[in-house]
Amino acid sequence: MWPPASKMKVVISERNQSCKSVCHKNGFICEPEFFPLLNKADALKRAGVHCKKVSSDKVEQAPSVDAHGVCLLQSQPLLFGCVGQHPNHQRVCPCRSFTKGQIALCDNCA
């Protein structure tokens, strides 16, 4: 896998905030290649998300968690994306570092 999975930094967004936005705010970029690694109940738990219930759907804001603790996983991998947001959901975002002037490379990946 490129970039290496060890370079993933999981960041939880605010409600109605995209992964692109929250990763950038934290000095990272959103890495779509990592979404399949996060799109599992056990991965959300390791990221510190407490799911009272887990469901899956074809929506652009998954993976995410709502205010009631319902975790939403993506059922259609083609819909993974960094720009989806929802007023009632916090995104669980796969961020990574990047080399200034060359976002294709993460710090210390080579």
N, C-alpha and C. Protein backbone atom coordinates (compact mmCIF):
# COMPACT_ATOMS: atom_id res chain seq x y z
N MET A 1 0.84 -1.18 0.00
CA MET A 1 0.00 0.00 0.00
C MET A 1 0.88 1.24 0.00
N TRP A 2 0.51 2.19 -0.79
CA TRP A 2 1.20 3.48 -0.79
C TRP A 2 0.18 4.58 -0.60
N PRO A 3 0.43 5.47 0.28
CA PRO A 3 1.53 5.51 1.23
C PRO A 3 1.39 4.43 2.29
N PRO A 4 2.47 4.16 3.03
CA PRO A 4 2.41 3.11 4.05
C PRO A 4 1.33 3.40 5.10
N ALA A 5 0.60 2.37 5.50
CA ALA A 5 -0.48 2.53 6.48
C ALA A 5 0.03 3.10 7.80
N SER A 6 1.29 2.87 8.10
CA SER A 6 1.86 3.39 9.35
C SER A 6 1.90 4.91 9.39
N LYS A 7 1.73 5.55 8.25
CA LYS A 7 1.76 7.02 8.17
C LYS A 7 0.39 7.65 8.39
N MET A 8 -0.65 6.82 8.57
CA MET A 8 -2.00 7.35 8.78
C MET A 8 -2.11 7.99 10.16
N LYS A 9 -2.68 9.19 10.19
CA LYS A 9 -3.02 9.90 11.42
C LYS A 9 -4.53 10.06 11.43
N VAL A 10 -5.21 9.41 12.35
CA VAL A 10 -6.67 9.49 12.40
C VAL A 10 -7.06 10.76 13.16
N VAL A 11 -7.90 11.57 12.52
CA VAL A 11 -8.38 12.80 13.12
C VAL A 11 -9.91 12.79 13.06
N ILE A 12 -10.55 13.15 14.16
CA ILE A 12 -12.01 13.23 14.22
C ILE A 12 -12.42 14.67 13.97
N SER A 13 -13.30 14.89 13.01
CA SER A 13 -13.73 16.24 12.67
C SER A 13 -14.78 16.75 13.65
N GLU A 14 -15.09 18.02 13.53
CA GLU A 14 -16.27 18.59 14.18
C GLU A 14 -17.47 18.20 13.33
N ARG A 15 -18.68 18.41 13.83
CA ARG A 15 -19.86 18.18 12.99
C ARG A 15 -19.82 19.16 11.82
N ASN A 16 -20.29 18.67 10.68
CA ASN A 16 -20.38 19.48 9.45
C ASN A 16 -19.01 19.95 8.96
N GLN A 17 -17.98 19.14 9.20
CA GLN A 17 -16.63 19.46 8.74
C GLN A 17 -16.11 18.30 7.91
N SER A 18 -15.51 18.60 6.79
CA SER A 18 -14.97 17.55 5.91
C SER A 18 -13.61 17.07 6.40
N CYS A 19 -13.22 15.91 5.92
CA CYS A 19 -11.89 15.39 6.23
C CYS A 19 -10.82 16.28 5.60
N LYS A 20 -11.07 16.78 4.42
CA LYS A 20 -10.12 17.69 3.78
C LYS A 20 -9.83 18.87 4.70
N SER A 21 -10.88 19.45 5.25
CA SER A 21 -10.76 20.62 6.12
C SER A 21 -10.05 20.30 7.43
N VAL A 22 -10.47 19.23 8.12
CA VAL A 22 -9.87 18.92 9.43
C VAL A 22 -8.43 18.45 9.29
N CYS A 23 -8.11 17.71 8.24
CA CYS A 23 -6.72 17.31 8.04
C CYS A 23 -5.85 18.54 7.81
N HIS A 24 -6.31 19.43 6.94
CA HIS A 24 -5.55 20.65 6.64
C HIS A 24 -5.35 21.50 7.90
N LYS A 25 -6.42 21.61 8.70
CA LYS A 25 -6.36 22.40 9.93
C LYS A 25 -5.29 21.86 10.88
N ASN A 26 -5.02 20.55 10.81
CA ASN A 26 -4.03 19.91 11.67
C ASN A 26 -2.66 19.75 11.00
N GLY A 27 -2.48 20.36 9.83
CA GLY A 27 -1.19 20.32 9.15
C GLY A 27 -0.95 19.09 8.31
N PHE A 28 -2.02 18.37 7.98
CA PHE A 28 -1.94 17.15 7.18
C PHE A 28 -2.76 17.31 5.90
N ILE A 29 -2.77 16.25 5.10
CA ILE A 29 -3.72 16.15 3.99
C ILE A 29 -4.54 14.88 4.19
N CYS A 30 -5.72 14.87 3.61
CA CYS A 30 -6.58 13.69 3.67
C CYS A 30 -6.06 12.67 2.64
N GLU A 31 -5.93 11.43 3.07
CA GLU A 31 -5.42 10.36 2.19
C GLU A 31 -6.51 9.34 1.92
N PRO A 32 -7.19 9.43 0.76
CA PRO A 32 -8.29 8.51 0.45
C PRO A 32 -7.91 7.04 0.44
N GLU A 33 -6.66 6.73 0.17
CA GLU A 33 -6.22 5.32 0.14
C GLU A 33 -6.40 4.65 1.50
N PHE A 34 -6.45 5.43 2.57
CA PHE A 34 -6.58 4.87 3.91
C PHE A 34 -8.02 4.62 4.35
N PHE A 35 -9.01 5.12 3.61
CA PHE A 35 -10.39 4.94 4.04
C PHE A 35 -10.77 3.48 4.29
N PRO A 36 -10.39 2.52 3.44
CA PRO A 36 -10.76 1.13 3.73
C PRO A 36 -10.22 0.62 5.07
N LEU A 37 -9.11 1.15 5.53
CA LEU A 37 -8.54 0.74 6.82
C LEU A 37 -9.38 1.26 8.00
N LEU A 38 -10.04 2.39 7.81
CA LEU A 38 -10.85 3.01 8.86
C LEU A 38 -12.31 2.57 8.85
N ASN A 39 -12.75 1.99 7.78
CA ASN A 39 -14.17 1.69 7.57
C ASN A 39 -14.58 0.37 8.24
N LYS A 40 -14.20 0.23 9.51
CA LYS A 40 -14.50 -0.98 10.28
C LYS A 40 -14.77 -0.57 11.71
N ALA A 41 -15.68 -1.25 12.36
CA ALA A 41 -16.03 -0.91 13.74
C ALA A 41 -14.82 -0.97 14.66
N ASP A 42 -13.96 -1.98 14.51
CA ASP A 42 -12.79 -2.08 15.40
C ASP A 42 -11.78 -0.97 15.14
N ALA A 43 -11.68 -0.50 13.90
CA ALA A 43 -10.78 0.62 13.59
C ALA A 43 -11.30 1.92 14.22
N LEU A 44 -12.62 2.10 14.20
CA LEU A 44 -13.19 3.28 14.84
C LEU A 44 -12.93 3.25 16.34
N LYS A 45 -13.07 2.08 16.94
CA LYS A 45 -12.82 1.94 18.37
C LYS A 45 -11.36 2.27 18.70
N ARG A 46 -10.42 1.76 17.89
CA ARG A 46 -9.00 2.07 18.11
C ARG A 46 -8.72 3.56 17.96
N ALA A 47 -9.54 4.25 17.15
CA ALA A 47 -9.37 5.69 16.94
C ALA A 47 -10.01 6.50 18.07
N GLY A 48 -10.64 5.82 19.03
CA GLY A 48 -11.24 6.51 20.15
C GLY A 48 -12.70 6.87 19.97
N VAL A 49 -13.33 6.32 18.93
CA VAL A 49 -14.75 6.57 18.68
C VAL A 49 -15.56 5.51 19.42
N HIS A 50 -16.51 5.95 20.23
CA HIS A 50 -17.34 5.02 21.00
C HIS A 50 -18.68 4.85 20.29
N CYS A 51 -18.86 3.71 19.65
CA CYS A 51 -20.07 3.42 18.89
C CYS A 51 -21.08 2.68 19.75
N LYS A 52 -22.27 3.26 19.92
CA LYS A 52 -23.35 2.55 20.59
C LYS A 52 -24.02 1.59 19.63
N LYS A 53 -23.95 1.94 18.35
CA LYS A 53 -24.54 1.14 17.28
C LYS A 53 -23.70 1.40 16.03
N VAL A 54 -23.63 0.39 15.16
CA VAL A 54 -22.91 0.55 13.90
C VAL A 54 -23.84 0.19 12.75
N SER A 55 -23.90 1.06 11.77
CA SER A 55 -24.68 0.78 10.57
C SER A 55 -23.85 1.14 9.35
N SER A 56 -24.32 0.74 8.18
CA SER A 56 -23.61 1.09 6.95
C SER A 56 -24.62 1.59 5.92
N ASP A 57 -24.13 2.48 5.06
CA ASP A 57 -24.99 3.09 4.05
C ASP A 57 -24.11 3.64 2.93
N LYS A 58 -24.76 4.01 1.84
CA LYS A 58 -24.07 4.61 0.70
C LYS A 58 -24.18 6.13 0.81
N VAL A 59 -23.34 6.73 1.66
CA VAL A 59 -23.36 8.17 1.89
C VAL A 59 -21.94 8.71 1.86
N GLU A 60 -21.81 9.96 1.47
CA GLU A 60 -20.47 10.52 1.31
C GLU A 60 -19.79 10.91 2.62
N GLN A 61 -20.52 10.94 3.75
CA GLN A 61 -19.89 11.33 5.01
C GLN A 61 -19.38 10.15 5.84
N ALA A 62 -19.38 8.96 5.30
CA ALA A 62 -18.90 7.80 6.05
C ALA A 62 -17.42 7.55 5.76
N PRO A 63 -16.67 7.07 6.74
CA PRO A 63 -17.07 6.73 8.09
C PRO A 63 -17.22 7.97 8.97
N SER A 64 -18.21 7.88 9.87
CA SER A 64 -18.51 9.01 10.76
C SER A 64 -19.29 8.51 11.96
N VAL A 65 -19.54 9.43 12.89
CA VAL A 65 -20.34 9.12 14.07
C VAL A 65 -21.28 10.29 14.31
N ASP A 66 -22.53 9.99 14.69
CA ASP A 66 -23.49 11.06 14.95
C ASP A 66 -23.54 11.38 16.45
N ALA A 67 -24.34 12.36 16.82
CA ALA A 67 -24.42 12.83 18.20
C ALA A 67 -24.96 11.78 19.17
N HIS A 68 -25.63 10.76 18.65
CA HIS A 68 -26.20 9.70 19.48
C HIS A 68 -25.27 8.49 19.60
N GLY A 69 -24.08 8.57 19.01
CA GLY A 69 -23.14 7.47 19.08
C GLY A 69 -23.36 6.41 18.03
N VAL A 70 -24.13 6.72 16.99
CA VAL A 70 -24.33 5.78 15.89
C VAL A 70 -23.19 5.98 14.88
N CYS A 71 -22.40 4.95 14.72
CA CYS A 71 -21.29 5.00 13.77
C CYS A 71 -21.78 4.53 12.40
N LEU A 72 -21.37 5.26 11.40
CA LEU A 72 -21.81 4.99 10.04
C LEU A 72 -20.61 4.58 9.21
N LEU A 73 -20.67 3.38 8.65
CA LEU A 73 -19.64 2.87 7.77
C LEU A 73 -20.09 2.99 6.32
N GLN A 74 -19.14 3.05 5.43
CA GLN A 74 -19.44 3.17 4.00
C GLN A 74 -19.70 1.78 3.41
N SER A 75 -20.86 1.61 2.78
CA SER A 75 -21.16 0.32 2.15
C SER A 75 -20.75 0.28 0.68
N GLN A 76 -20.40 1.43 0.12
CA GLN A 76 -19.98 1.50 -1.29
C GLN A 76 -18.60 2.16 -1.36
N PRO A 77 -17.55 1.36 -1.46
CA PRO A 77 -16.18 1.91 -1.46
C PRO A 77 -15.92 2.97 -2.51
N LEU A 78 -16.67 2.98 -3.60
CA LEU A 78 -16.47 4.02 -4.61
C LEU A 78 -16.89 5.40 -4.11
N LEU A 79 -17.60 5.46 -2.99
CA LEU A 79 -18.05 6.74 -2.45
C LEU A 79 -17.12 7.32 -1.39
N PHE A 80 -16.05 6.62 -1.05
CA PHE A 80 -15.09 7.20 -0.11
C PHE A 80 -14.59 8.53 -0.65
N GLY A 81 -14.51 9.52 0.22
CA GLY A 81 -14.01 10.82 -0.23
C GLY A 81 -13.68 11.73 0.94
N CYS A 82 -12.88 12.72 0.65
CA CYS A 82 -12.39 13.64 1.67
C CYS A 82 -13.26 14.87 1.87
N VAL A 83 -14.20 15.14 0.97
CA VAL A 83 -14.95 16.40 1.05
C VAL A 83 -16.36 16.26 1.62
N GLY A 84 -16.86 15.06 1.82
CA GLY A 84 -18.20 14.88 2.37
C GLY A 84 -18.30 15.40 3.79
N GLN A 85 -19.44 15.98 4.11
CA GLN A 85 -19.70 16.45 5.47
C GLN A 85 -21.19 16.42 5.72
N HIS A 86 -21.58 16.46 6.99
CA HIS A 86 -22.99 16.39 7.36
C HIS A 86 -23.18 17.16 8.65
N PRO A 87 -24.26 17.93 8.78
CA PRO A 87 -24.45 18.74 9.98
C PRO A 87 -24.58 17.94 11.28
N ASN A 88 -24.93 16.66 11.21
CA ASN A 88 -25.11 15.85 12.41
C ASN A 88 -24.02 14.81 12.63
N HIS A 89 -22.99 14.81 11.79
CA HIS A 89 -21.96 13.78 11.86
C HIS A 89 -20.56 14.36 12.00
N GLN A 90 -19.74 13.63 12.76
CA GLN A 90 -18.32 13.90 12.84
C GLN A 90 -17.61 12.85 11.99
N ARG A 91 -16.82 13.30 11.03
CA ARG A 91 -16.08 12.37 10.18
C ARG A 91 -14.91 11.76 10.93
N VAL A 92 -14.59 10.53 10.59
CA VAL A 92 -13.38 9.86 11.08
C VAL A 92 -12.44 9.87 9.89
N CYS A 93 -11.37 10.65 10.00
CA CYS A 93 -10.58 11.02 8.83
C CYS A 93 -9.18 10.41 8.79
N PRO A 94 -8.80 9.90 7.61
CA PRO A 94 -7.47 9.34 7.42
C PRO A 94 -6.52 10.42 6.88
N CYS A 95 -5.79 11.03 7.77
CA CYS A 95 -4.85 12.08 7.38
C CYS A 95 -3.43 11.52 7.32
N ARG A 96 -2.56 12.28 6.69
CA ARG A 96 -1.13 11.95 6.68
C ARG A 96 -0.32 13.22 6.46
N SER A 97 0.95 13.13 6.81
CA SER A 97 1.85 14.25 6.59
C SER A 97 2.18 14.33 5.10
N PHE A 98 2.83 15.40 4.72
CA PHE A 98 3.26 15.54 3.33
C PHE A 98 4.53 16.37 3.30
N THR A 99 5.27 16.21 2.22
CA THR A 99 6.47 16.99 2.01
C THR A 99 6.09 18.30 1.37
N LYS A 100 6.48 19.41 1.96
CA LYS A 100 6.12 20.72 1.43
C LYS A 100 6.55 20.84 -0.03
N GLY A 101 5.62 21.24 -0.88
CA GLY A 101 5.88 21.37 -2.30
C GLY A 101 5.68 20.09 -3.09
N GLN A 102 5.41 18.98 -2.38
CA GLN A 102 5.22 17.69 -3.05
C GLN A 102 4.26 16.84 -2.20
N ILE A 103 2.95 17.05 -2.38
CA ILE A 103 2.00 16.36 -1.51
C ILE A 103 1.91 14.86 -1.78
N ALA A 104 2.45 14.38 -2.90
CA ALA A 104 2.39 12.94 -3.18
C ALA A 104 3.27 12.15 -2.21
N LEU A 105 4.23 12.81 -1.59
CA LEU A 105 5.14 12.13 -0.68
C LEU A 105 4.86 12.54 0.75
N CYS A 106 4.81 11.56 1.65
CA CYS A 106 4.68 11.89 3.06
C CYS A 106 6.06 12.02 3.67
N ASP A 107 6.12 12.70 4.81
CA ASP A 107 7.42 12.83 5.50
C ASP A 107 7.95 11.45 5.83
N ASN A 108 9.21 11.23 5.55
CA ASN A 108 9.92 9.99 5.88
C ASN A 108 9.29 8.73 5.27
N CYS A 109 8.66 8.85 4.11
CA CYS A 109 8.07 7.67 3.45
C CYS A 109 9.06 6.97 2.53
N ALA A 110 10.03 7.69 2.05
CA ALA A 110 10.94 7.11 1.06
C ALA A 110 11.98 6.21 1.70
